[in-house]
């Protein structure tokens, strides 16, 4: 099962939704880096279930326990391994999944792929629960990147047919519902509540932005920056699409409308717009990477 990602820093995710624990191992993290555990806990709380009316009802503390790779709060150069112990599991609720697969889930193809031996409880290794160890790794790497002036941020762009079209120019990580415009966020929450009252659900779009990257990172063709990011993003269960910059909207534009002219600003090469989303030919352009 391919549950590994990365080159310079390599991530392996392990566990199942209702196993004793889920966890991750990061290899390649430099020694001597101090981890802010309060900031990491705050980051993990953003995805933890059971915290509000619009997330899954499962209640988990989601506090990581580090097994190796640290001396105190400082990395020591060995593989960094952490686990989150599962608590709110009701595996009997999933007994019928071996015989009646859920639509929109991995139950049926997993049964075929693993000859019926897959862990069906809670979705097993195919569950959204596996994003918890992803967030341990992400929360740590974000701290390392900030020391080099690189920031990663994300906001809810839309839920159902409700969009927050305000420019993503302000941080939203401290908000319980991470939108730029709170009025749009309130409408989104109401739409979620209406769907839940009907025993249904709604989808949405998340916009991510990386600032501070230099130009020239990545490779052409099969190992481009878009390829690498897409591989990580599709590791999140239920993600069905990704676009960079204008994405599919570029197909409706003329080249003169979609191109980003180059210029020089304060001695630095920039583009006057960022419809390309910060990646050209698989390499960063020096503009914000937006996807």
Protein backbone atom coordinates (compact mmCIF):
# COMPACT_ATOMS: atom_id res chain seq x y z
CA UNK A 1 0.00 0.00 0.00
CA UNK A 2 1.50 3.32 -1.06
CA UNK A 3 1.26 5.59 1.97
CA UNK A 4 4.54 7.44 1.53
CA UNK A 5 5.34 10.80 0.00
CA UNK A 6 8.27 13.14 -0.53
CA UNK A 7 11.95 13.22 -1.45
CA UNK A 8 14.05 15.63 0.61
CA UNK A 9 11.76 15.02 3.56
CA UNK A 10 9.99 11.68 3.31
CA UNK A 11 6.62 11.02 4.96
CA UNK A 12 5.06 7.65 5.76
CA UNK A 13 1.53 7.48 7.20
CA UNK A 14 0.29 4.38 9.03
CA UNK A 15 -2.72 3.09 10.96
CA UNK A 16 -6.44 2.68 10.37
CA UNK A 17 -9.47 4.69 11.40
CA UNK A 18 -10.42 2.33 14.25
CA UNK A 19 -7.00 0.83 14.96
CA UNK A 20 -5.40 1.63 18.33
CA UNK A 21 -3.61 4.57 16.71
CA UNK A 22 -2.80 6.43 13.52
CA UNK A 23 0.61 7.93 12.99
CA UNK A 24 3.39 9.19 10.79
CA UNK A 25 7.15 9.03 10.34
CA UNK A 26 9.17 11.89 8.86
CA UNK A 27 12.70 11.15 7.72
CA UNK A 28 15.12 13.79 6.53
CA UNK A 29 14.12 16.51 8.97
CA UNK A 30 17.22 18.49 9.91
CA UNK A 31 18.64 18.14 13.42
CA UNK A 32 18.55 21.04 15.83
CA UNK A 33 15.10 22.39 14.89
CA UNK A 34 12.88 23.37 17.82
CA UNK A 35 9.22 22.40 17.49
CA UNK A 36 6.57 24.69 18.99
CA UNK A 37 4.13 22.13 20.37
CA UNK A 38 1.52 24.71 21.35
CA UNK A 39 1.41 25.90 17.73
CA UNK A 40 1.27 22.28 16.54
CA UNK A 41 -1.68 21.53 18.86
CA UNK A 42 -3.50 24.60 17.56
CA UNK A 43 -2.87 23.50 13.99
CA UNK A 44 -4.16 19.98 14.67
CA UNK A 45 -7.26 21.36 16.38
CA UNK A 46 -8.30 22.95 13.07
CA UNK A 47 -9.07 19.51 11.60
CA UNK A 48 -9.99 17.60 14.78
CA UNK A 49 -13.52 16.13 14.62
CA UNK A 50 -16.39 16.84 16.97
CA UNK A 51 -15.41 20.46 17.71
CA UNK A 52 -18.30 22.27 16.03
CA UNK A 53 -21.66 21.89 14.30
CA UNK A 54 -20.28 21.51 10.77
CA UNK A 55 -17.70 18.74 11.26
CA UNK A 56 -18.06 15.01 11.78
CA UNK A 57 -19.57 14.02 15.11
CA UNK A 58 -16.67 11.75 16.06
CA UNK A 59 -14.87 13.21 19.10
CA UNK A 60 -11.10 12.85 19.28
CA UNK A 61 -8.49 14.78 21.27
CA UNK A 62 -5.93 14.43 18.46
CA UNK A 63 -2.89 15.09 20.64
CA UNK A 64 0.24 13.51 19.11
CA UNK A 65 2.60 11.36 21.14
CA UNK A 66 6.17 11.43 19.78
CA UNK A 67 8.04 8.14 19.91
CA UNK A 68 11.35 9.14 18.33
CA UNK A 69 13.25 11.92 16.64
CA UNK A 70 13.18 14.46 19.49
CA UNK A 71 15.25 15.38 22.49
CA UNK A 72 12.91 17.57 24.46
CA UNK A 73 11.39 19.89 21.86
CA UNK A 74 14.33 19.69 19.46
CA UNK A 75 14.84 17.37 16.49
CA UNK A 76 17.86 15.09 16.82
CA UNK A 77 18.20 13.96 13.19
CA UNK A 78 16.69 10.49 13.51
CA UNK A 79 13.29 9.60 11.99
CA UNK A 80 10.53 11.61 13.64
CA UNK A 81 7.65 9.31 14.56
CA UNK A 82 4.40 10.33 16.23
CA UNK A 83 1.08 8.61 16.89
CA UNK A 84 -2.41 9.75 17.80
CA UNK A 85 -4.34 7.21 19.83
CA UNK A 86 -7.90 6.63 18.63
CA UNK A 87 -10.60 6.89 21.30
CA UNK A 88 -14.08 7.46 19.87
CA UNK A 89 -14.46 4.30 17.80
CA UNK A 90 -17.69 2.32 17.33
CA UNK A 91 -16.57 -0.41 14.98
CA UNK A 92 -19.85 -2.34 15.22
CA UNK A 93 -21.50 0.50 13.30
CA UNK A 94 -19.56 -0.67 10.24
CA UNK A 95 -20.23 -4.43 10.37
CA UNK A 96 -22.46 -4.40 7.28
CA UNK A 97 -19.88 -2.61 5.10
CA UNK A 98 -18.28 -5.90 4.08
CA UNK A 99 -21.53 -6.83 2.39
CA UNK A 100 -23.19 -3.48 1.58
CA UNK A 101 -20.60 -0.94 0.39
CA UNK A 102 -21.36 2.77 0.79
CA UNK A 103 -21.67 4.91 -2.32
CA UNK A 104 -18.91 7.45 -2.68
CA UNK A 105 -16.53 5.49 -0.44
CA UNK A 106 -13.69 3.03 -0.98
CA UNK A 107 -15.50 0.04 0.58
CA UNK A 108 -16.11 -1.89 -2.65
CA UNK A 109 -12.82 -1.34 -4.54
CA UNK A 110 -10.87 -1.95 -1.30
CA UNK A 111 -12.67 -5.27 -0.83
CA UNK A 112 -11.71 -6.32 -4.35
CA UNK A 113 -8.13 -5.02 -4.09
CA UNK A 114 -7.42 -6.73 -0.75
CA UNK A 115 -9.56 -9.85 -1.21
CA UNK A 116 -11.91 -8.95 1.63
CA UNK A 117 -9.17 -8.65 4.24
CA UNK A 118 -9.25 -4.85 4.41
CA UNK A 119 -10.19 -3.16 7.68
CA UNK A 120 -13.74 -1.92 7.02
CA UNK A 121 -14.28 -0.29 10.42
CA UNK A 122 -14.53 3.46 10.00
CA UNK A 123 -13.19 3.15 6.48
CA UNK A 124 -9.88 1.68 7.67
CA UNK A 125 -6.86 3.20 5.94
CA UNK A 126 -9.15 4.93 3.44
CA UNK A 127 -10.77 7.14 6.06
CA UNK A 128 -10.57 10.88 6.52
CA UNK A 129 -9.10 9.94 9.91
CA UNK A 130 -5.78 9.47 8.10
CA UNK A 131 -5.57 13.23 7.60
CA UNK A 132 -4.69 13.52 11.31
CA UNK A 133 -1.14 12.19 10.85
CA UNK A 134 -0.88 14.23 7.64
CA UNK A 135 -1.50 17.30 9.77
CA UNK A 136 1.19 16.31 12.28
CA UNK A 137 3.69 16.26 9.43
CA UNK A 138 2.30 19.43 7.85
CA UNK A 139 2.23 21.30 11.13
CA UNK A 140 5.91 20.53 11.71
CA UNK A 141 7.09 21.31 8.18
CA UNK A 142 5.16 24.58 8.15
CA UNK A 143 7.20 25.67 11.17
CA UNK A 144 10.45 24.79 9.39
CA UNK A 145 9.41 26.66 6.24
CA UNK A 146 8.50 29.82 8.14
CA UNK A 147 12.10 30.13 9.26
CA UNK A 148 12.98 30.54 5.57
CA UNK A 149 10.22 33.09 5.00
CA UNK A 150 7.86 30.62 3.30
CA UNK A 151 4.25 30.54 4.44
CA UNK A 152 1.47 28.09 3.63
CA UNK A 153 -2.14 29.12 4.17
CA UNK A 154 -5.61 27.94 3.18
CA UNK A 155 -9.19 29.15 3.26
CA UNK A 156 -12.63 27.87 2.39
CA UNK A 157 -13.42 29.25 -1.07
CA UNK A 158 -16.87 27.74 -1.44
CA UNK A 159 -19.39 25.38 0.11
CA UNK A 160 -22.04 24.14 -2.29
CA UNK A 161 -22.98 27.12 -4.47
CA UNK A 162 -21.89 29.76 -1.92
CA UNK A 163 -18.52 31.40 -2.65
CA UNK A 164 -16.24 33.70 -0.71
CA UNK A 165 -14.81 35.74 -3.58
CA UNK A 166 -12.88 38.20 -1.40
CA UNK A 167 -9.14 38.32 -2.19
CA UNK A 168 -7.14 35.98 0.00
CA UNK A 169 -4.97 38.71 1.50
CA UNK A 170 -5.58 38.19 5.23
CA UNK A 171 -4.78 35.17 7.43
CA UNK A 172 -7.75 33.05 8.45
CA UNK A 173 -5.99 30.30 10.41
CA UNK A 174 -7.19 31.73 13.71
CA UNK A 175 -10.84 31.57 12.71
CA UNK A 176 -13.05 28.65 13.67
CA UNK A 177 -14.56 28.80 10.17
CA UNK A 178 -11.66 29.87 7.92
CA UNK A 179 -13.19 32.22 5.37
CA UNK A 180 -12.08 35.74 4.48
CA UNK A 181 -15.62 37.17 4.56
CA UNK A 182 -17.51 36.13 7.69
CA UNK A 183 -20.91 36.87 6.11
CA UNK A 184 -20.19 34.33 3.37
CA UNK A 185 -19.02 31.91 6.06
CA UNK A 186 -22.32 32.28 7.92
CA UNK A 187 -24.23 31.44 4.73
CA UNK A 188 -22.01 28.39 4.21
CA UNK A 189 -22.65 27.18 7.76
CA UNK A 190 -26.39 27.57 7.25
CA UNK A 191 -26.19 25.51 4.06
CA UNK A 192 -24.30 22.76 5.92
CA UNK A 193 -26.92 22.79 8.68
CA UNK A 194 -29.77 22.54 6.17
CA UNK A 195 -28.13 19.58 4.43
CA UNK A 196 -27.49 17.85 7.75
CA UNK A 197 -31.12 18.34 8.80
CA UNK A 198 -32.11 16.51 5.62
CA UNK A 199 -29.66 13.67 6.30
CA UNK A 200 -27.46 14.90 3.48
CA UNK A 201 -24.13 16.69 2.97
CA UNK A 202 -22.50 19.26 0.72
CA UNK A 203 -19.09 19.58 -0.88
CA UNK A 204 -16.76 22.52 -1.17
CA UNK A 205 -13.55 24.02 -2.49
CA UNK A 206 -10.45 24.95 -0.48
CA UNK A 207 -7.96 27.50 -1.81
CA UNK A 208 -4.34 27.09 -0.75
CA UNK A 209 -1.51 29.60 -1.14
CA UNK A 210 2.25 29.35 -0.65
CA UNK A 211 4.14 32.64 -0.42
CA UNK A 212 7.87 33.31 -0.31
CA UNK A 213 9.04 30.57 -2.66
CA UNK A 214 11.98 31.41 -4.94
CA UNK A 215 11.78 30.82 -8.67
CA UNK A 216 13.12 27.62 -10.20
CA UNK A 217 11.97 24.96 -7.73
CA UNK A 218 10.61 21.78 -9.30
CA UNK A 219 11.20 19.92 -12.56
CA UNK A 220 9.63 19.64 -16.00
CA UNK A 221 7.12 16.99 -17.03
CA UNK A 222 6.51 14.15 -14.56
CA UNK A 223 8.09 15.58 -11.43
CA UNK A 224 6.90 19.17 -11.69
CA UNK A 225 5.76 21.25 -8.75
CA UNK A 226 2.12 20.79 -9.78
CA UNK A 227 2.65 17.02 -9.94
CA UNK A 228 4.17 16.92 -6.46
CA UNK A 229 1.48 19.08 -4.90
CA UNK A 230 -1.29 17.12 -6.62
CA UNK A 231 0.09 13.84 -5.30
CA UNK A 232 -0.07 15.16 -1.74
CA UNK A 233 -3.50 16.74 -2.17
CA UNK A 234 -5.03 13.57 -3.57
CA UNK A 235 -3.78 11.78 -0.46
CA UNK A 236 -6.72 13.48 1.28
CA UNK A 237 -9.78 11.21 0.96
CA UNK A 238 -12.68 12.61 -1.10
CA UNK A 239 -10.62 15.17 -3.05
CA UNK A 240 -11.75 14.90 -6.67
CA UNK A 241 -10.12 17.82 -8.43
CA UNK A 242 -7.28 20.34 -8.32
CA UNK A 243 -6.40 23.39 -10.37
CA UNK A 244 -3.57 25.93 -10.30
CA UNK A 245 -4.17 29.63 -10.88
CA UNK A 246 -6.99 30.07 -13.36
CA UNK A 247 -7.10 26.31 -13.85
CA UNK A 248 -9.93 25.15 -16.13
CA UNK A 249 -11.16 28.72 -16.55
CA UNK A 250 -8.08 29.33 -18.72
CA UNK A 251 -9.69 27.18 -21.42
CA UNK A 252 -12.30 29.90 -21.99
CA UNK A 253 -9.73 32.70 -22.33
CA UNK A 254 -7.55 33.90 -25.16
CA UNK A 255 -3.81 33.72 -24.63
CA UNK A 256 -3.68 37.51 -24.39
CA UNK A 257 -6.23 37.34 -21.57
CA UNK A 258 -4.61 34.49 -19.66
CA UNK A 259 -0.89 35.27 -19.96
CA UNK A 260 0.99 37.02 -17.15
CA UNK A 261 3.48 39.58 -18.51
CA UNK A 262 6.88 39.75 -16.82
CA UNK A 263 8.20 42.90 -15.21
CA UNK A 264 10.85 44.03 -12.73
CA UNK A 265 9.78 45.37 -9.36
CA UNK A 266 12.36 46.57 -6.82
CA UNK A 267 15.05 44.66 -8.67
CA UNK A 268 13.08 41.39 -8.71
CA UNK A 269 11.52 39.65 -11.71
CA UNK A 270 7.77 39.35 -11.20
CA UNK A 271 4.63 38.88 -13.27
CA UNK A 272 2.01 41.62 -13.40
CA UNK A 273 -0.74 39.09 -12.67
CA UNK A 274 -0.75 35.51 -11.39
CA UNK A 275 -3.20 33.60 -13.54
CA UNK A 276 -0.62 30.79 -13.84
CA UNK A 277 -0.76 30.16 -10.09
CA UNK A 278 2.97 30.48 -9.48
CA UNK A 279 4.09 27.48 -11.56
CA UNK A 280 5.38 27.50 -15.17
CA UNK A 281 6.75 24.41 -16.89
CA UNK A 282 6.63 22.49 -13.62
CA UNK A 283 8.83 25.08 -11.86
CA UNK A 284 8.01 27.87 -9.45
CA UNK A 285 7.96 31.33 -11.03
CA UNK A 286 8.64 33.25 -7.83
CA UNK A 287 5.01 34.33 -7.56
CA UNK A 288 2.60 32.93 -4.97
CA UNK A 289 1.73 29.29 -5.64
CA UNK A 290 -2.09 29.18 -5.62
CA UNK A 291 -4.12 26.01 -6.04
